[in-house]
N, C-alpha and C. Protein backbone atom coordinates (compact mmCIF):
# COMPACT_ATOMS: atom_id res chain seq x y z
N MET A 1 135.18 -68.21 -172.22
CA MET A 1 136.16 -69.24 -172.50
C MET A 1 136.24 -69.46 -174.00
N ASN A 2 137.44 -69.75 -174.45
CA ASN A 2 137.69 -70.09 -175.85
C ASN A 2 138.13 -71.54 -175.92
N TYR A 3 137.66 -72.23 -176.93
CA TYR A 3 137.99 -73.64 -177.13
C TYR A 3 138.60 -73.77 -178.51
N SER A 4 139.81 -74.33 -178.59
CA SER A 4 140.44 -74.47 -179.90
C SER A 4 141.10 -75.84 -180.02
N SER A 5 140.91 -76.45 -181.17
CA SER A 5 141.55 -77.72 -181.45
C SER A 5 143.06 -77.52 -181.31
N SER A 6 143.74 -78.49 -180.69
CA SER A 6 145.16 -78.31 -180.43
C SER A 6 145.94 -79.58 -180.68
N ASP A 7 147.14 -79.41 -181.20
CA ASP A 7 148.08 -80.51 -181.35
C ASP A 7 149.13 -80.50 -180.24
N ASP A 8 149.04 -79.55 -179.31
CA ASP A 8 150.02 -79.43 -178.22
C ASP A 8 149.67 -80.40 -177.10
N ILE A 9 149.89 -81.67 -177.36
CA ILE A 9 149.59 -82.74 -176.40
C ILE A 9 150.48 -82.61 -175.16
N GLU A 10 151.72 -82.19 -175.35
CA GLU A 10 152.66 -82.13 -174.22
C GLU A 10 152.17 -81.15 -173.14
N LYS A 11 151.62 -80.03 -173.56
CA LYS A 11 151.09 -79.06 -172.59
C LYS A 11 149.96 -79.69 -171.77
N SER A 12 149.11 -80.45 -172.44
CA SER A 12 148.01 -81.13 -171.75
C SER A 12 148.54 -82.22 -170.82
N LEU A 13 149.54 -82.95 -171.27
CA LEU A 13 150.14 -83.99 -170.42
C LEU A 13 150.81 -83.39 -169.20
N ASP A 14 151.48 -82.24 -169.38
CA ASP A 14 152.10 -81.56 -168.24
C ASP A 14 151.05 -81.21 -167.19
N LEU A 15 149.91 -80.67 -167.63
CA LEU A 15 148.85 -80.30 -166.69
C LEU A 15 148.29 -81.55 -166.01
N THR A 16 148.02 -82.59 -166.77
CA THR A 16 147.48 -83.82 -166.19
C THR A 16 148.44 -84.39 -165.15
N GLU A 17 149.72 -84.40 -165.47
CA GLU A 17 150.71 -84.91 -164.53
C GLU A 17 150.75 -84.06 -163.27
N GLN A 18 150.71 -82.74 -163.43
CA GLN A 18 150.71 -81.84 -162.28
C GLN A 18 149.50 -82.11 -161.37
N LEU A 19 148.35 -82.30 -161.98
CA LEU A 19 147.11 -82.46 -161.21
C LEU A 19 146.92 -83.87 -160.67
N MET A 20 147.36 -84.88 -161.40
CA MET A 20 146.97 -86.25 -161.08
C MET A 20 148.07 -87.14 -160.51
N LEU A 21 149.35 -86.72 -160.58
CA LEU A 21 150.43 -87.60 -160.15
C LEU A 21 150.29 -88.01 -158.69
N GLY A 22 149.91 -87.07 -157.83
CA GLY A 22 149.71 -87.40 -156.41
C GLY A 22 148.63 -88.44 -156.22
N TYR A 23 147.55 -88.31 -156.97
CA TYR A 23 146.46 -89.28 -156.93
C TYR A 23 146.95 -90.66 -157.37
N TYR A 24 147.69 -90.70 -158.46
CA TYR A 24 148.23 -91.96 -158.95
C TYR A 24 149.10 -92.61 -157.89
N ARG A 25 149.96 -91.83 -157.26
CA ARG A 25 150.84 -92.37 -156.22
C ARG A 25 150.05 -92.84 -155.01
N GLU A 26 149.08 -92.04 -154.59
CA GLU A 26 148.28 -92.38 -153.41
C GLU A 26 147.57 -93.72 -153.58
N TYR A 27 147.08 -93.99 -154.78
CA TYR A 27 146.33 -95.22 -155.04
C TYR A 27 147.15 -96.28 -155.76
N ASP A 28 148.49 -96.10 -155.75
CA ASP A 28 149.41 -97.07 -156.32
C ASP A 28 149.08 -97.41 -157.77
N LEU A 29 148.78 -96.36 -158.55
CA LEU A 29 148.51 -96.51 -159.98
C LEU A 29 149.78 -96.16 -160.75
N VAL A 30 149.86 -96.62 -161.95
CA VAL A 30 151.03 -96.36 -162.79
C VAL A 30 150.73 -95.21 -163.75
N TRP A 31 151.53 -94.15 -163.65
CA TRP A 31 151.42 -93.04 -164.60
C TRP A 31 152.30 -93.39 -165.79
N ASP A 32 151.69 -93.54 -166.95
CA ASP A 32 152.42 -93.87 -168.17
C ASP A 32 152.18 -92.74 -169.18
N ARG A 33 153.12 -91.80 -169.21
CA ARG A 33 152.97 -90.63 -170.07
C ARG A 33 152.83 -91.02 -171.54
N ASN A 34 153.57 -92.03 -171.96
CA ASN A 34 153.49 -92.45 -173.36
C ASN A 34 152.10 -92.99 -173.70
N LYS A 35 151.52 -93.74 -172.79
CA LYS A 35 150.18 -94.27 -173.03
C LYS A 35 149.15 -93.14 -173.08
N ARG A 36 149.29 -92.16 -172.17
CA ARG A 36 148.39 -91.00 -172.18
C ARG A 36 148.57 -90.20 -173.47
N ARG A 37 149.83 -90.05 -173.92
CA ARG A 37 150.11 -89.32 -175.16
C ARG A 37 149.41 -90.01 -176.34
N GLU A 38 149.51 -91.33 -176.37
CA GLU A 38 148.87 -92.11 -177.43
C GLU A 38 147.35 -91.91 -177.41
N LEU A 39 146.75 -91.92 -176.23
CA LEU A 39 145.31 -91.71 -176.11
C LEU A 39 144.91 -90.33 -176.62
N LEU A 40 145.60 -89.28 -176.14
CA LEU A 40 145.25 -87.92 -176.55
C LEU A 40 145.52 -87.69 -178.03
N SER A 41 146.54 -88.33 -178.56
CA SER A 41 146.86 -88.17 -179.99
C SER A 41 145.78 -88.75 -180.89
N SER A 42 145.06 -89.73 -180.39
CA SER A 42 144.03 -90.36 -181.21
C SER A 42 142.65 -89.76 -180.98
N ALA A 43 142.54 -88.82 -180.03
CA ALA A 43 141.25 -88.20 -179.69
C ALA A 43 141.14 -86.82 -180.33
N GLU A 44 139.91 -86.29 -180.33
CA GLU A 44 139.71 -84.87 -180.63
C GLU A 44 140.18 -84.13 -179.38
N HIS A 45 141.13 -83.22 -179.54
CA HIS A 45 141.82 -82.62 -178.41
C HIS A 45 141.70 -81.10 -178.49
N TYR A 46 141.16 -80.48 -177.44
CA TYR A 46 140.93 -79.03 -177.42
C TYR A 46 141.59 -78.39 -176.22
N HIS A 47 142.22 -77.26 -176.44
CA HIS A 47 142.70 -76.44 -175.33
C HIS A 47 141.63 -75.41 -174.98
N ILE A 48 141.55 -75.09 -173.72
CA ILE A 48 140.60 -74.10 -173.19
C ILE A 48 141.43 -72.91 -172.74
N SER A 49 141.02 -71.72 -173.17
CA SER A 49 141.76 -70.52 -172.77
C SER A 49 140.78 -69.41 -172.39
N ASP A 50 141.30 -68.51 -171.60
CA ASP A 50 140.58 -67.30 -171.21
C ASP A 50 141.49 -66.16 -171.67
N GLY A 51 141.20 -65.61 -172.83
CA GLY A 51 142.14 -64.66 -173.44
C GLY A 51 143.39 -65.43 -173.83
N ASN A 52 144.54 -64.99 -173.33
CA ASN A 52 145.81 -65.66 -173.61
C ASN A 52 146.21 -66.64 -172.52
N ILE A 53 145.34 -66.86 -171.55
CA ILE A 53 145.66 -67.72 -170.40
C ILE A 53 145.16 -69.13 -170.65
N PHE A 54 146.06 -70.11 -170.55
CA PHE A 54 145.72 -71.52 -170.68
C PHE A 54 144.94 -71.95 -169.44
N VAL A 55 143.75 -72.45 -169.64
CA VAL A 55 142.85 -72.83 -168.55
C VAL A 55 142.81 -74.34 -168.37
N GLY A 56 143.01 -75.09 -169.45
CA GLY A 56 142.96 -76.54 -169.38
C GLY A 56 142.71 -77.14 -170.75
N PHE A 57 142.20 -78.35 -170.75
CA PHE A 57 141.93 -79.03 -172.00
C PHE A 57 140.86 -80.09 -171.80
N PHE A 58 140.29 -80.53 -172.92
CA PHE A 58 139.44 -81.71 -172.91
C PHE A 58 139.70 -82.49 -174.18
N ALA A 59 139.37 -83.78 -174.11
CA ALA A 59 139.56 -84.66 -175.26
C ALA A 59 138.39 -85.63 -175.32
N PHE A 60 138.00 -85.95 -176.55
CA PHE A 60 136.87 -86.87 -176.71
C PHE A 60 137.00 -87.66 -178.00
N PHE A 61 136.21 -88.73 -178.05
CA PHE A 61 136.05 -89.53 -179.25
C PHE A 61 134.60 -89.41 -179.69
N LYS A 62 134.39 -89.27 -180.97
CA LYS A 62 133.03 -89.27 -181.53
C LYS A 62 132.73 -90.68 -181.97
N ASN A 63 131.68 -91.26 -181.40
CA ASN A 63 131.22 -92.58 -181.79
C ASN A 63 129.93 -92.44 -182.57
N ASP A 64 129.40 -93.55 -183.05
CA ASP A 64 128.19 -93.51 -183.86
C ASP A 64 127.00 -92.89 -183.13
N ASP A 65 126.88 -93.16 -181.83
CA ASP A 65 125.69 -92.70 -181.11
C ASP A 65 125.99 -91.82 -179.90
N HIS A 66 127.26 -91.51 -179.65
CA HIS A 66 127.60 -90.67 -178.50
C HIS A 66 129.00 -90.08 -178.64
N ILE A 67 129.26 -89.11 -177.79
CA ILE A 67 130.62 -88.58 -177.62
C ILE A 67 131.15 -89.18 -176.32
N TYR A 68 132.38 -89.66 -176.36
CA TYR A 68 133.04 -90.24 -175.20
C TYR A 68 134.13 -89.28 -174.74
N VAL A 69 133.92 -88.62 -173.62
CA VAL A 69 134.90 -87.67 -173.08
C VAL A 69 135.94 -88.48 -172.29
N CYS A 70 137.16 -88.52 -172.82
CA CYS A 70 138.20 -89.33 -172.19
C CYS A 70 139.10 -88.52 -171.25
N ASP A 71 139.02 -87.19 -171.30
CA ASP A 71 139.82 -86.38 -170.39
C ASP A 71 139.30 -84.96 -170.33
N LEU A 72 139.36 -84.40 -169.15
CA LEU A 72 139.01 -83.00 -168.91
C LEU A 72 139.82 -82.55 -167.71
N GLN A 73 140.72 -81.60 -167.91
CA GLN A 73 141.58 -81.10 -166.84
C GLN A 73 141.55 -79.57 -166.86
N LEU A 74 141.46 -78.99 -165.67
CA LEU A 74 141.49 -77.54 -165.52
C LEU A 74 142.59 -77.15 -164.54
N THR A 75 143.25 -76.03 -164.81
CA THR A 75 144.26 -75.55 -163.89
C THR A 75 143.61 -75.28 -162.53
N PRO A 76 144.37 -75.44 -161.45
CA PRO A 76 143.79 -75.26 -160.10
C PRO A 76 143.08 -73.92 -159.91
N GLU A 77 143.61 -72.86 -160.47
CA GLU A 77 143.00 -71.54 -160.28
C GLU A 77 141.68 -71.38 -161.03
N HIS A 78 141.35 -72.32 -161.91
CA HIS A 78 140.09 -72.27 -162.65
C HIS A 78 139.10 -73.33 -162.22
N GLN A 79 139.45 -74.08 -161.19
CA GLN A 79 138.54 -75.11 -160.67
C GLN A 79 137.56 -74.47 -159.69
N ASN A 80 136.39 -75.07 -159.57
CA ASN A 80 135.35 -74.62 -158.63
C ASN A 80 134.87 -73.20 -158.91
N LYS A 81 134.88 -72.82 -160.18
CA LYS A 81 134.42 -71.49 -160.58
C LYS A 81 133.44 -71.56 -161.74
N GLY A 82 132.89 -72.74 -162.00
CA GLY A 82 131.92 -72.89 -163.07
C GLY A 82 132.53 -73.18 -164.43
N VAL A 83 133.85 -73.22 -164.52
CA VAL A 83 134.50 -73.45 -165.81
C VAL A 83 134.19 -74.86 -166.32
N GLY A 84 134.26 -75.85 -165.44
CA GLY A 84 133.97 -77.22 -165.84
C GLY A 84 132.55 -77.36 -166.38
N SER A 85 131.61 -76.68 -165.73
CA SER A 85 130.22 -76.71 -166.21
C SER A 85 130.11 -76.06 -167.59
N ALA A 86 130.83 -74.96 -167.79
CA ALA A 86 130.82 -74.29 -169.10
C ALA A 86 131.43 -75.20 -170.16
N VAL A 87 132.50 -75.91 -169.80
CA VAL A 87 133.13 -76.83 -170.76
C VAL A 87 132.15 -77.94 -171.11
N MET A 88 131.47 -78.48 -170.12
CA MET A 88 130.50 -79.55 -170.40
C MET A 88 129.37 -79.04 -171.29
N GLN A 89 128.93 -77.80 -171.09
CA GLN A 89 127.91 -77.23 -171.97
C GLN A 89 128.44 -77.13 -173.40
N HIS A 90 129.71 -76.77 -173.54
CA HIS A 90 130.33 -76.71 -174.86
C HIS A 90 130.38 -78.11 -175.50
N ILE A 91 130.74 -79.11 -174.71
CA ILE A 91 130.79 -80.48 -175.22
C ILE A 91 129.39 -80.94 -175.63
N ILE A 92 128.38 -80.54 -174.87
CA ILE A 92 126.99 -80.86 -175.24
C ILE A 92 126.66 -80.24 -176.59
N SER A 93 127.11 -79.01 -176.81
CA SER A 93 126.83 -78.36 -178.10
C SER A 93 127.58 -79.06 -179.24
N ILE A 94 128.78 -79.57 -178.97
CA ILE A 94 129.51 -80.33 -179.99
C ILE A 94 128.73 -81.59 -180.33
N ALA A 95 128.27 -82.31 -179.30
CA ALA A 95 127.49 -83.53 -179.54
C ALA A 95 126.24 -83.21 -180.36
N SER A 96 125.58 -82.14 -179.99
CA SER A 96 124.37 -81.74 -180.70
C SER A 96 124.66 -81.41 -182.16
N SER A 97 125.80 -80.78 -182.42
CA SER A 97 126.15 -80.43 -183.80
C SER A 97 126.37 -81.68 -184.66
N PHE A 98 126.73 -82.79 -184.00
CA PHE A 98 126.88 -84.07 -184.70
C PHE A 98 125.56 -84.84 -184.75
N GLY A 99 124.51 -84.29 -184.14
CA GLY A 99 123.24 -84.99 -184.08
C GLY A 99 123.21 -86.09 -183.04
N LEU A 100 124.11 -86.00 -182.06
CA LEU A 100 124.20 -87.02 -181.01
C LEU A 100 123.49 -86.53 -179.75
N MET A 101 122.84 -87.45 -179.08
CA MET A 101 122.07 -87.09 -177.88
C MET A 101 122.67 -87.66 -176.60
N SER A 102 123.87 -88.25 -176.69
CA SER A 102 124.44 -88.92 -175.53
C SER A 102 125.92 -88.57 -175.39
N ILE A 103 126.35 -88.39 -174.14
CA ILE A 103 127.74 -88.16 -173.81
C ILE A 103 128.11 -89.14 -172.71
N LYS A 104 129.24 -89.80 -172.88
CA LYS A 104 129.75 -90.72 -171.87
C LYS A 104 131.07 -90.17 -171.36
N LEU A 105 131.32 -90.37 -170.08
CA LEU A 105 132.53 -89.86 -169.44
C LEU A 105 133.43 -91.00 -169.02
N ALA A 106 134.72 -90.77 -169.11
CA ALA A 106 135.69 -91.76 -168.63
C ALA A 106 135.83 -91.61 -167.11
N LEU A 107 135.87 -92.72 -166.45
CA LEU A 107 136.12 -92.73 -165.01
C LEU A 107 137.32 -93.62 -164.77
N LEU A 108 138.22 -93.18 -163.90
CA LEU A 108 139.40 -93.94 -163.59
C LEU A 108 139.03 -95.07 -162.63
N ARG A 109 139.35 -96.29 -163.03
CA ARG A 109 139.15 -97.44 -162.16
C ARG A 109 140.46 -97.73 -161.47
N PHE A 110 140.41 -98.07 -160.21
CA PHE A 110 141.63 -98.28 -159.44
C PHE A 110 142.51 -99.40 -160.00
N SER A 111 141.93 -100.33 -160.73
CA SER A 111 142.72 -101.44 -161.28
C SER A 111 143.35 -101.11 -162.63
N GLU A 112 143.00 -99.96 -163.20
CA GLU A 112 143.52 -99.61 -164.52
C GLU A 112 144.93 -99.05 -164.45
N VAL A 113 145.66 -99.29 -165.48
CA VAL A 113 146.96 -98.65 -165.67
C VAL A 113 146.76 -97.64 -166.78
N ILE A 114 146.89 -96.36 -166.45
CA ILE A 114 146.68 -95.31 -167.43
C ILE A 114 147.91 -94.42 -167.49
């Protein structure tokens, strides 16, 4: 897998919408693309690729004592194949390079509007 910093937020939003819109509808959550765009624009944002194939993306914030992973999405054909674990290992190495020993993950709460 290759990980590269990316400014192509729209590609990431398209994938998130494809993967998560049904979930949002099922649980009566509000999908706000502009709010998600704002979040990803303010985060460290990386695309994941396998050669020339877009596999997904992740985004995080670096805090004083931890990295906060605010999003991680993989295309359906790359799920359940160890790619997510490889991405998390990469994120661990990023945290380590900053001298950080902690990673926090975002979890969607049913009462949140995202």
